Each structure stands twice: as C-alpha cells, then as structure tokens.
Amino acid sequence: MSPITGNLLLDALSPALQAEILSLGRTIDLPTRTVLREQDERSAYAYFFYSGVASQVVTMAEGGSAEVGLTGHEGLVGATDLLGPTPTPSQSSMLMPGSALRIRCEHLCPLFLNNSELRGRILEFLQQQSIALEQTSACNRLHQAEPRLIRWLLMCHDRSRLNTMSLTQEFMANMLGARRTTVTLVANSLQERGLISYRRGKVTLLAHQELEHAACHCYRVCQRALRNLYQ
C-alpha cells in the first residue's frame, strides 16, 4: 500500500510509481507569496502540493492583472511545462503557505512521457484545470460580485482544506478584478448574514451549505470537476 502523502494525484498512483516519483524530489516549505514560476518563463521545477494553495495570475502589458487559476493538494504547478516548449503567460505564486514535493522538470518529464499511468493522471488534472478556467472566465465576465466572491472563497477552501484563510480585501479585489470598495461591501454583507467572519485579513467560512446555495452555478461546475479527479 502506498503511503498517504496528502497530494491527491500522488496518492492515486500505484505504490511503485509513487515511490519512484518521491525519490526524484524533496519536500520544501513554501511561504505566502513565494514565486514558483515567472510569467512567460518555463519552470525549472514541478511542485506537488501537500498543503497550501498557489494562484496563477496573468499581468497585461498595460499593467492590469487577473487570476486565471488555483492549485492546491489536488495536483501540481509545472504540469504545462511537461506538455511542450511554450511557456505559460501566467505567474504562479503561493496564495496560502504550505509544503510541496519539488522535482526538477528535466527529471519528471521523461517519466511523464514514458509512463502511461503518470501521464494519464497529470492529463486528468490538466483537464480539471481547463474546465475550471473555462467556467470561471465566463463567470468573471457575466456574474455579479457577490456570487463570484463566494465561488472563489469556496474554491480556495476546497484546495486548502481550511475554513480560516488569510486573505486581505485588497488581494481579493485583485484576484476577482473588482474594486476594493465592492469587495468590502460584499464581505460586509456576507458577514452580517452570518455566512463568513472577516477580521484583520482573515476570512472564516461559517456556513458552507448556505454559501454554496448563494454561489453561482459556476462553483458547482468547478466542484464537480474537482471531485471527479482520479476516480
């Protein structure tokens, strides 16, 4: 039986393959704001998260930025660098602190190309990321701030497994592409209704079922894709 690492992808692998991958890297701590991959650059490492959450953000030439993805214990950062030579346009950095198995991409890539089990699991993870990207892109364009914020908080929770998360209003506004005053109004409304607690940059989810009901359908699409991983 394979040891339980806490990373869903690694824990879905056969014992021999999991042991081989674990032997290729080492576990490191990743504080908040640690940059894992720069924008428009190929990553030297892949990170299989045991805990913590990374955010993928695209910054435009004129200076604006928007979040395009979240990664937590369900997978890894660096998977796209295994697919081909073109670097991703997003920067990946730690939204919430955690730890990960760090492996050089040059060591992981041959195993990805030659081992169908690993390749299948990583492609499955990338499919889930693609589904989430498609749905949240439409969500950010078409839905109001409140259901979008709730959807994002629930997605952060699903990937961090934490009820209390360190998230400033300024940071949430940047991630959602909204004004800080808008996030303040929405957060205050959710707190008054007993759905969250927000104090000194810490958000606590208090009523998961009610939050899920208040979120837009986009959350359920993303949640279903996450739950279907590695079945």
C-alpha atoms as a PDB file:
ATOM      1  CA  MET A   1       0.000   0.000   0.000  1.00  0.00           C
ATOM      2  CA  SER A   2       1.270   3.488  -0.881  1.00  0.00           C
ATOM      3  CA  PRO A   3       1.860   5.971   1.936  1.00  0.00           C
ATOM      4  CA  ILE A   4      -0.693   8.789   2.151  1.00  0.00           C
ATOM      5  CA  THR A   5       1.142  11.973   1.205  1.00  0.00           C
ATOM      6  CA  GLY A   6      -1.815  14.357   1.185  1.00  0.00           C
ATOM      7  CA  ASN A   7      -1.410  15.113  -2.514  1.00  0.00           C
ATOM      8  CA  LEU A   8      -4.395  13.583  -4.320  1.00  0.00           C
ATOM      9  CA  LEU A   9      -2.518  12.920  -7.550  1.00  0.00           C
ATOM     10  CA  LEU A  10       0.417  11.190  -5.852  1.00  0.00           C
ATOM     11  CA  ASP A  11      -1.936   9.188  -3.652  1.00  0.00           C
ATOM     12  CA  ALA A  12      -3.816   7.934  -6.720  1.00  0.00           C
ATOM     13  CA  LEU A  13      -0.660   6.339  -8.178  1.00  0.00           C
ATOM     14  CA  SER A  14       0.460   2.752  -7.844  1.00  0.00           C
ATOM     15  CA  PRO A  15       2.934   2.150  -4.975  1.00  0.00           C
ATOM     16  CA  ALA A  16       5.953   1.590  -7.217  1.00  0.00           C
ATOM     17  CA  LEU A  17       5.321   4.701  -9.311  1.00  0.00           C
ATOM     18  CA  GLN A  18       4.622   6.848  -6.276  1.00  0.00           C
ATOM     19  CA  ALA A  19       7.881   5.681  -4.667  1.00  0.00           C
ATOM     20  CA  GLU A  20       9.801   6.475  -7.855  1.00  0.00           C
ATOM     21  CA  ILE A  21       8.398   9.999  -8.018  1.00  0.00           C
ATOM     22  CA  LEU A  22       9.045  10.651  -4.337  1.00  0.00           C
ATOM     23  CA  SER A  23      12.670   9.605  -4.843  1.00  0.00           C
ATOM     24  CA  LEU A  24      13.122  12.261  -7.546  1.00  0.00           C
ATOM     25  CA  GLY A  25      12.449  15.262  -5.330  1.00  0.00           C
ATOM     26  CA  ARG A  26      12.400  16.670  -1.841  1.00  0.00           C
ATOM     27  CA  THR A  27       9.803  18.285   0.386  1.00  0.00           C
ATOM     28  CA  ILE A  28      10.106  22.044   0.865  1.00  0.00           C
ATOM     29  CA  ASP A  29       8.153  24.705   2.725  1.00  0.00           C
ATOM     30  CA  LEU A  30       6.504  27.413   0.637  1.00  0.00           C
ATOM     31  CA  PRO A  31       5.674  30.671   2.463  1.00  0.00           C
ATOM     32  CA  THR A  32       2.978  33.042   1.211  1.00  0.00           C
ATOM     33  CA  ARG A  33       3.972  34.961  -1.963  1.00  0.00           C
ATOM     34  CA  THR A  34       6.741  32.515  -2.882  1.00  0.00           C
ATOM     35  CA  VAL A  35       7.052  32.680  -6.685  1.00  0.00           C
ATOM     36  CA  LEU A  36       7.017  29.216  -8.219  1.00  0.00           C
ATOM     37  CA  ARG A  37       7.071  30.208 -11.878  1.00  0.00           C
ATOM     38  CA  GLU A  38       7.558  33.557 -13.568  1.00  0.00           C
ATOM     39  CA  GLN A  39       5.259  34.777 -16.298  1.00  0.00           C
ATOM     40  CA  ASP A  40       6.366  33.829 -19.830  1.00  0.00           C
ATOM     41  CA  GLU A  41       9.134  31.590 -18.480  1.00  0.00           C
ATOM     42  CA  ARG A  42       9.375  27.826 -18.335  1.00  0.00           C
ATOM     43  CA  SER A  43       9.573  26.435 -14.827  1.00  0.00           C
ATOM     44  CA  ALA A  44      12.668  24.581 -13.682  1.00  0.00           C
ATOM     45  CA  TYR A  45      10.607  22.664 -11.113  1.00  0.00           C
ATOM     46  CA  ALA A  46       7.280  20.930 -10.672  1.00  0.00           C
ATOM     47  CA  TYR A  47       5.565  21.230  -7.276  1.00  0.00           C
ATOM     48  CA  PHE A  48       3.195  18.547  -5.984  1.00  0.00           C
ATOM     49  CA  PHE A  49       1.361  20.268  -3.137  1.00  0.00           C
ATOM     50  CA  TYR A  50       0.860  18.570   0.201  1.00  0.00           C
ATOM     51  CA  SER A  51      -0.739  21.721   1.607  1.00  0.00           C
ATOM     52  CA  GLY A  52      -1.185  25.360   0.671  1.00  0.00           C
ATOM     53  CA  VAL A  53      -2.630  26.980  -2.441  1.00  0.00           C
ATOM     54  CA  ALA A  54      -0.941  28.617  -5.422  1.00  0.00           C
ATOM     55  CA  SER A  55      -2.565  31.283  -7.566  1.00  0.00           C
ATOM     56  CA  GLN A  56      -1.888  31.714 -11.278  1.00  0.00           C
ATOM     57  CA  VAL A  57      -2.067  35.366 -12.358  1.00  0.00           C
ATOM     58  CA  VAL A  58      -1.674  36.956 -15.791  1.00  0.00           C
ATOM     59  CA  THR A  59      -0.364  40.542 -15.878  1.00  0.00           C
ATOM     60  CA  MET A  60      -1.101  42.513 -19.023  1.00  0.00           C
ATOM     61  CA  ALA A  61       1.364  44.782 -20.811  1.00  0.00           C
ATOM     62  CA  GLU A  62      -0.641  47.857 -19.754  1.00  0.00           C
ATOM     63  CA  GLY A  63      -0.392  46.847 -16.095  1.00  0.00           C
ATOM     64  CA  GLY A  64      -3.694  45.164 -15.187  1.00  0.00           C
ATOM     65  CA  SER A  65      -3.730  41.623 -13.799  1.00  0.00           C
ATOM     66  CA  ALA A  66      -6.243  38.842 -13.255  1.00  0.00           C
ATOM     67  CA  GLU A  67      -6.196  35.437 -11.619  1.00  0.00           C
ATOM     68  CA  VAL A  68      -6.680  32.551 -14.044  1.00  0.00           C
ATOM     69  CA  GLY A  69      -6.251  29.511 -11.814  1.00  0.00           C
ATOM     70  CA  LEU A  70      -5.825  27.938  -8.384  1.00  0.00           C
ATOM     71  CA  THR A  71      -3.821  24.842  -7.467  1.00  0.00           C
ATOM     72  CA  GLY A  72      -3.776  23.006  -4.164  1.00  0.00           C
ATOM     73  CA  HIS A  73      -3.434  19.482  -2.863  1.00  0.00           C
ATOM     74  CA  GLU A  74      -5.275  18.094  -5.911  1.00  0.00           C
ATOM     75  CA  GLY A  75      -2.299  18.452  -8.246  1.00  0.00           C
ATOM     76  CA  LEU A  76       0.844  20.291  -9.152  1.00  0.00           C
ATOM     77  CA  VAL A  77       2.286  23.502 -10.510  1.00  0.00           C
ATOM     78  CA  GLY A  78       4.511  22.960 -13.541  1.00  0.00           C
ATOM     79  CA  ALA A  79       2.346  20.428 -15.380  1.00  0.00           C
ATOM     80  CA  THR A  80       2.021  22.584 -18.500  1.00  0.00           C
ATOM     81  CA  ASP A  81       5.811  22.609 -18.882  1.00  0.00           C
ATOM     82  CA  LEU A  82       5.657  18.847 -19.406  1.00  0.00           C
ATOM     83  CA  LEU A  83       3.466  19.269 -22.491  1.00  0.00           C
ATOM     84  CA  GLY A  84       5.752  21.281 -24.767  1.00  0.00           C
ATOM     85  CA  PRO A  85       8.199  24.147 -25.147  1.00  0.00           C
ATOM     86  CA  THR A  86       5.834  27.142 -24.989  1.00  0.00           C
ATOM     87  CA  PRO A  87       5.887  28.940 -21.595  1.00  0.00           C
ATOM     88  CA  THR A  88       2.602  29.832 -19.913  1.00  0.00           C
ATOM     89  CA  PRO A  89       1.606  33.528 -19.754  1.00  0.00           C
ATOM     90  CA  SER A  90       0.819  33.336 -16.007  1.00  0.00           C
ATOM     91  CA  GLN A  91       2.951  33.771 -12.926  1.00  0.00           C
ATOM     92  CA  SER A  92       2.366  31.197 -10.191  1.00  0.00           C
ATOM     93  CA  SER A  93       2.886  32.168  -6.553  1.00  0.00           C
ATOM     94  CA  MET A  94       1.723  31.000  -3.143  1.00  0.00           C
ATOM     95  CA  LEU A  95      -1.640  32.388  -2.103  1.00  0.00           C
ATOM     96  CA  MET A  96      -1.585  30.378   1.141  1.00  0.00           C
ATOM     97  CA  PRO A  97       1.539  28.890   2.720  1.00  0.00           C
ATOM     98  CA  GLY A  98       2.146  25.164   2.554  1.00  0.00           C
ATOM     99  CA  SER A  99       4.584  22.464   1.551  1.00  0.00           C
ATOM    100  CA  ALA A 100       5.235  20.508  -1.617  1.00  0.00           C
ATOM    101  CA  LEU A 101       7.360  17.829  -3.222  1.00  0.00           C
ATOM    102  CA  ARG A 102       9.663  19.752  -5.563  1.00  0.00           C
ATOM    103  CA  ILE A 103      11.077  17.901  -8.573  1.00  0.00           C
ATOM    104  CA  ARG A 104      13.177  19.238 -11.415  1.00  0.00           C
ATOM    105  CA  CYS A 105      11.114  19.216 -14.632  1.00  0.00           C
ATOM    106  CA  GLU A 106      14.049  17.709 -16.514  1.00  0.00           C
ATOM    107  CA  HIS A 107      13.766  14.648 -14.222  1.00  0.00           C
ATOM    108  CA  LEU A 108       9.964  14.441 -14.232  1.00  0.00           C
ATOM    109  CA  CYS A 109       9.462  14.961 -17.980  1.00  0.00           C
ATOM    110  CA  PRO A 110      10.978  11.624 -19.150  1.00  0.00           C
ATOM    111  CA  LEU A 111       8.789   9.767 -16.661  1.00  0.00           C
ATOM    112  CA  PHE A 112       5.730  11.708 -17.845  1.00  0.00           C
ATOM    113  CA  LEU A 113       6.459  10.854 -21.481  1.00  0.00           C
ATOM    114  CA  ASN A 114       7.262   7.185 -20.916  1.00  0.00           C
ATOM    115  CA  ASN A 115       4.865   6.162 -18.139  1.00  0.00           C
ATOM    116  CA  SER A 116       1.225   5.999 -19.225  1.00  0.00           C
ATOM    117  CA  GLU A 117      -0.093   5.887 -15.653  1.00  0.00           C
ATOM    118  CA  LEU A 118       1.594   9.137 -14.634  1.00  0.00           C
ATOM    119  CA  ARG A 119       0.761  10.767 -17.961  1.00  0.00           C
ATOM    120  CA  GLY A 120      -2.896   9.843 -17.584  1.00  0.00           C
ATOM    121  CA  ARG A 121      -3.159  11.264 -14.068  1.00  0.00           C
ATOM    122  CA  ILE A 122      -1.440  14.529 -14.966  1.00  0.00           C
ATOM    123  CA  LEU A 123      -3.596  14.952 -18.080  1.00  0.00           C
ATOM    124  CA  GLU A 124      -6.659  14.310 -15.910  1.00  0.00           C
ATOM    125  CA  PHE A 125      -5.526  17.087 -13.570  1.00  0.00           C
ATOM    126  CA  LEU A 126      -4.957  19.425 -16.518  1.00  0.00           C
ATOM    127  CA  GLN A 127      -8.448  18.669 -17.818  1.00  0.00           C
ATOM    128  CA  GLN A 128      -9.890  19.701 -14.462  1.00  0.00           C
ATOM    129  CA  GLN A 129      -7.861  22.931 -14.599  1.00  0.00           C
ATOM    130  CA  SER A 130      -9.085  23.623 -18.128  1.00  0.00           C
ATOM    131  CA  ILE A 131     -12.723  23.121 -17.102  1.00  0.00           C
ATOM    132  CA  ALA A 132     -12.281  25.490 -14.144  1.00  0.00           C
ATOM    133  CA  LEU A 133     -10.585  28.089 -16.360  1.00  0.00           C
ATOM    134  CA  GLU A 134     -13.377  27.991 -18.949  1.00  0.00           C
ATOM    135  CA  GLN A 135     -16.131  28.273 -16.354  1.00  0.00           C
ATOM    136  CA  THR A 136     -14.523  30.999 -14.247  1.00  0.00           C
ATOM    137  CA  SER A 137     -13.671  33.048 -17.352  1.00  0.00           C
ATOM    138  CA  ALA A 138     -17.372  33.177 -18.188  1.00  0.00           C
ATOM    139  CA  CYS A 139     -18.239  33.759 -14.520  1.00  0.00           C
ATOM    140  CA  ASN A 140     -15.907  36.751 -14.206  1.00  0.00           C
ATOM    141  CA  ARG A 141     -17.434  38.307 -17.309  1.00  0.00           C
ATOM    142  CA  LEU A 142     -21.123  37.670 -16.672  1.00  0.00           C
ATOM    143  CA  HIS A 143     -21.841  37.317 -12.940  1.00  0.00           C
ATOM    144  CA  GLN A 144     -22.167  39.819 -10.127  1.00  0.00           C
ATOM    145  CA  ALA A 145     -19.501  40.385  -7.482  1.00  0.00           C
ATOM    146  CA  GLU A 146     -21.187  38.530  -4.598  1.00  0.00           C
ATOM    147  CA  PRO A 147     -21.647  35.090  -6.208  1.00  0.00           C
ATOM    148  CA  ARG A 148     -18.195  35.418  -7.782  1.00  0.00           C
ATOM    149  CA  LEU A 149     -16.567  36.149  -4.416  1.00  0.00           C
ATOM    150  CA  ILE A 150     -18.413  33.253  -2.775  1.00  0.00           C
ATOM    151  CA  ARG A 151     -17.396  30.923  -5.611  1.00  0.00           C
ATOM    152  CA  TRP A 152     -13.766  31.970  -5.262  1.00  0.00           C
ATOM    153  CA  LEU A 153     -13.736  31.546  -1.466  1.00  0.00           C
ATOM    154  CA  LEU A 154     -15.243  28.070  -1.775  1.00  0.00           C
ATOM    155  CA  MET A 155     -12.698  27.103  -4.436  1.00  0.00           C
ATOM    156  CA  CYS A 156      -9.885  28.293  -2.148  1.00  0.00           C
ATOM    157  CA  HIS A 157     -11.367  26.235   0.687  1.00  0.00           C
ATOM    158  CA  ASP A 158     -11.643  23.099  -1.464  1.00  0.00           C
ATOM    159  CA  ARG A 159      -7.959  23.319  -2.381  1.00  0.00           C
ATOM    160  CA  SER A 160      -6.604  24.348   1.022  1.00  0.00           C
ATOM    161  CA  ARG A 161      -8.971  22.311   3.248  1.00  0.00           C
ATOM    162  CA  LEU A 162      -9.000  25.335   5.583  1.00  0.00           C
ATOM    163  CA  ASN A 163     -12.043  27.114   6.988  1.00  0.00           C
ATOM    164  CA  THR A 164      -9.978  30.161   8.006  1.00  0.00           C
ATOM    165  CA  MET A 165      -7.809  31.760   5.336  1.00  0.00           C
ATOM    166  CA  SER A 166      -5.540  34.819   5.359  1.00  0.00           C
ATOM    167  CA  LEU A 167      -6.960  36.976   2.565  1.00  0.00           C
ATOM    168  CA  THR A 168      -6.920  40.780   2.559  1.00  0.00           C
ATOM    169  CA  GLN A 169      -9.705  42.703   0.827  1.00  0.00           C
ATOM    170  CA  GLU A 170      -7.134  44.283  -1.489  1.00  0.00           C
ATOM    171  CA  PHE A 171      -5.887  40.857  -2.515  1.00  0.00           C
ATOM    172  CA  MET A 172      -9.392  39.510  -3.063  1.00  0.00           C
ATOM    173  CA  ALA A 173     -10.198  42.543  -5.216  1.00  0.00           C
ATOM    174  CA  ASN A 174      -7.097  41.943  -7.333  1.00  0.00           C
ATOM    175  CA  MET A 175      -7.918  38.256  -7.773  1.00  0.00           C
ATOM    176  CA  LEU A 176     -11.513  38.995  -8.811  1.00  0.00           C
ATOM    177  CA  GLY A 177     -10.733  42.011 -10.967  1.00  0.00           C
ATOM    178  CA  ALA A 178     -13.101  44.112  -8.817  1.00  0.00           C
ATOM    179  CA  ARG A 179     -12.828  47.370  -6.906  1.00  0.00           C
ATOM    180  CA  ARG A 180     -11.759  47.094  -3.287  1.00  0.00           C
ATOM    181  CA  THR A 181     -14.876  49.032  -2.242  1.00  0.00           C
ATOM    182  CA  THR A 182     -17.013  46.395  -3.995  1.00  0.00           C
ATOM    183  CA  VAL A 183     -15.291  43.563  -2.137  1.00  0.00           C
ATOM    184  CA  THR A 184     -15.714  45.467   1.141  1.00  0.00           C
ATOM    185  CA  LEU A 185     -19.460  45.837   0.575  1.00  0.00           C
ATOM    186  CA  VAL A 186     -19.885  42.163  -0.378  1.00  0.00           C
ATOM    187  CA  ALA A 187     -17.751  40.890   2.520  1.00  0.00           C
ATOM    188  CA  ASN A 188     -19.684  43.060   4.985  1.00  0.00           C
ATOM    189  CA  SER A 189     -22.998  41.755   3.629  1.00  0.00           C
ATOM    190  CA  LEU A 190     -21.867  38.131   3.929  1.00  0.00           C
ATOM    191  CA  GLN A 191     -20.655  38.774   7.487  1.00  0.00           C
ATOM    192  CA  GLU A 192     -23.928  40.437   8.508  1.00  0.00           C
ATOM    193  CA  ARG A 193     -25.815  37.379   7.221  1.00  0.00           C
ATOM    194  CA  GLY A 194     -23.605  35.048   9.273  1.00  0.00           C
ATOM    195  CA  LEU A 195     -22.036  33.341   6.255  1.00  0.00           C
ATOM    196  CA  ILE A 196     -18.450  34.425   6.903  1.00  0.00           C
ATOM    197  CA  SER A 197     -16.380  36.124   9.562  1.00  0.00           C
ATOM    198  CA  TYR A 198     -13.860  38.686   8.355  1.00  0.00           C
ATOM    199  CA  ARG A 199     -11.356  40.302  10.701  1.00  0.00           C
ATOM    200  CA  ARG A 200      -7.811  41.563  10.297  1.00  0.00           C
ATOM    201  CA  GLY A 201      -7.248  39.939   6.951  1.00  0.00           C
ATOM    202  CA  LYS A 202      -8.650  36.537   7.942  1.00  0.00           C
ATOM    203  CA  VAL A 203     -11.765  35.088   6.346  1.00  0.00           C
ATOM    204  CA  THR A 204     -13.588  32.238   8.114  1.00  0.00           C
ATOM    205  CA  LEU A 205     -16.308  30.327   6.293  1.00  0.00           C
ATOM    206  CA  LEU A 206     -19.119  29.800   8.784  1.00  0.00           C
ATOM    207  CA  ALA A 207     -21.986  28.264   6.805  1.00  0.00           C
ATOM    208  CA  HIS A 208     -20.827  26.092   3.918  1.00  0.00           C
ATOM    209  CA  GLN A 209     -24.247  24.905   2.786  1.00  0.00           C
ATOM    210  CA  GLU A 210     -25.650  28.440   2.727  1.00  0.00           C
ATOM    211  CA  LEU A 211     -22.562  29.703   0.903  1.00  0.00           C
ATOM    212  CA  GLU A 212     -22.935  27.005  -1.734  1.00  0.00           C
ATOM    213  CA  HIS A 213     -26.556  27.989  -2.251  1.00  0.00           C
ATOM    214  CA  ALA A 214     -25.555  31.656  -2.595  1.00  0.00           C
ATOM    215  CA  ALA A 215     -22.758  30.906  -5.060  1.00  0.00           C
ATOM    216  CA  CYS A 216     -23.428  30.887  -8.775  1.00  0.00           C
ATOM    217  CA  HIS A 217     -23.715  27.653 -10.753  1.00  0.00           C
ATOM    218  CA  CYS A 218     -20.066  28.092 -11.755  1.00  0.00           C
ATOM    219  CA  TYR A 219     -18.928  26.813  -8.372  1.00  0.00           C
ATOM    220  CA  ARG A 220     -20.818  23.552  -8.804  1.00  0.00           C
ATOM    221  CA  VAL A 221     -19.251  23.022 -12.232  1.00  0.00           C
ATOM    222  CA  CYS A 222     -15.759  23.537 -10.793  1.00  0.00           C
ATOM    223  CA  GLN A 223     -16.531  21.447  -7.711  1.00  0.00           C
ATOM    224  CA  ARG A 224     -17.781  18.540  -9.828  1.00  0.00           C
ATOM    225  CA  ALA A 225     -14.612  18.575 -11.943  1.00  0.00           C
ATOM    226  CA  LEU A 226     -12.512  18.526  -8.765  1.00  0.00           C
ATOM    227  CA  ARG A 227     -14.470  15.677  -7.193  1.00  0.00           C
ATOM    228  CA  ASN A 228     -14.223  13.579 -10.347  1.00  0.00           C
ATOM    229  CA  LEU A 229     -10.429  13.605 -10.294  1.00  0.00           C
ATOM    230  CA  TYR A 230      -8.589  10.241 -10.124  1.00  0.00           C
ATOM    231  CA  GLN A 231     -11.707   8.072  -9.866  1.00  0.00           C
END
